[in-house]
Amino acid sequence: MDAVETWASSHGLERITLDTGAANAGARAFYGRLGFGDEEVTLTDH
């Protein structure tokens, strides 16, 4: 994530957005520990 943040900053970007499934608790917890937060929930029919 440090490399992503460095690249984004060097290209003038101020925001990084990640996509993961709502049920992917492990990924959501991991990214939460890095300072990311939930922004939107998308519902789909399987």
C-alpha atoms as a PDB file:
ATOM      1  CA  MET A   1       0.000   0.000   0.000  1.00  0.00           C
ATOM      2  CA  ASP A   2       2.932   2.343   0.585  1.00  0.00           C
ATOM      3  CA  ALA A   3       3.912   1.986  -3.078  1.00  0.00           C
ATOM      4  CA  VAL A   4       0.326   2.651  -4.199  1.00  0.00           C
ATOM      5  CA  GLU A   5       0.066   5.743  -2.010  1.00  0.00           C
ATOM      6  CA  THR A   6       3.453   7.034  -3.243  1.00  0.00           C
ATOM      7  CA  TRP A   7       2.482   6.470  -6.884  1.00  0.00           C
ATOM      8  CA  ALA A   8      -0.909   8.126  -6.427  1.00  0.00           C
ATOM      9  CA  SER A   9       0.602  11.139  -4.687  1.00  0.00           C
ATOM     10  CA  SER A  10       3.310  11.531  -7.335  1.00  0.00           C
ATOM     11  CA  HIS A  11       0.560  11.621  -9.986  1.00  0.00           C
ATOM     12  CA  GLY A  12      -1.439  14.281  -8.165  1.00  0.00           C
ATOM     13  CA  LEU A  13      -4.141  11.940  -6.893  1.00  0.00           C
ATOM     14  CA  GLU A  14      -5.674  12.672  -3.520  1.00  0.00           C
ATOM     15  CA  ARG A  15      -7.853   9.601  -3.051  1.00  0.00           C
ATOM     16  CA  ILE A  16      -7.463   5.821  -3.357  1.00  0.00           C
ATOM     17  CA  THR A  17     -10.593   3.702  -3.695  1.00  0.00           C
ATOM     18  CA  LEU A  18     -10.628  -0.080  -3.149  1.00  0.00           C
ATOM     19  CA  ASP A  19     -13.340  -2.553  -4.088  1.00  0.00           C
ATOM     20  CA  THR A  20     -14.035  -5.724  -2.152  1.00  0.00           C
ATOM     21  CA  GLY A  21     -17.086  -7.816  -1.449  1.00  0.00           C
ATOM     22  CA  ALA A  22     -19.204  -6.872   1.563  1.00  0.00           C
ATOM     23  CA  ALA A  23     -18.875 -10.453   2.838  1.00  0.00           C
ATOM     24  CA  ASN A  24     -15.064 -10.364   2.629  1.00  0.00           C
ATOM     25  CA  ALA A  25     -14.544  -9.622   6.310  1.00  0.00           C
ATOM     26  CA  GLY A  26     -10.820 -10.347   6.182  1.00  0.00           C
ATOM     27  CA  ALA A  27     -10.113  -7.832   3.420  1.00  0.00           C
ATOM     28  CA  ARG A  28     -12.387  -5.224   4.998  1.00  0.00           C
ATOM     29  CA  ALA A  29     -10.616  -5.617   8.352  1.00  0.00           C
ATOM     30  CA  PHE A  30      -7.185  -5.455   6.686  1.00  0.00           C
ATOM     31  CA  TYR A  31      -7.983  -2.277   4.777  1.00  0.00           C
ATOM     32  CA  GLY A  32      -9.692  -0.827   7.834  1.00  0.00           C
ATOM     33  CA  ARG A  33      -6.452  -1.202   9.785  1.00  0.00           C
ATOM     34  CA  LEU A  34      -4.757   0.807   7.022  1.00  0.00           C
ATOM     35  CA  GLY A  35      -7.221   3.655   7.481  1.00  0.00           C
ATOM     36  CA  PHE A  36      -9.773   2.833   4.791  1.00  0.00           C
ATOM     37  CA  GLY A  37     -13.459   2.915   5.660  1.00  0.00           C
ATOM     38  CA  ASP A  38     -16.708   1.632   4.205  1.00  0.00           C
ATOM     39  CA  GLU A  39     -18.283   4.064   1.799  1.00  0.00           C
ATOM     40  CA  GLU A  40     -20.948   2.211  -0.157  1.00  0.00           C
ATOM     41  CA  VAL A  41     -22.684  -1.141  -0.286  1.00  0.00           C
ATOM     42  CA  THR A  42     -23.822  -2.615  -3.594  1.00  0.00           C
ATOM     43  CA  LEU A  43     -26.393  -5.408  -3.548  1.00  0.00           C
ATOM     44  CA  THR A  44     -26.435  -8.012  -6.299  1.00  0.00           C
ATOM     45  CA  ASP A  45     -28.499 -11.091  -7.077  1.00  0.00           C
ATOM     46  CA  HIS A  46     -26.446 -14.225  -7.517  1.00  0.00           C
END
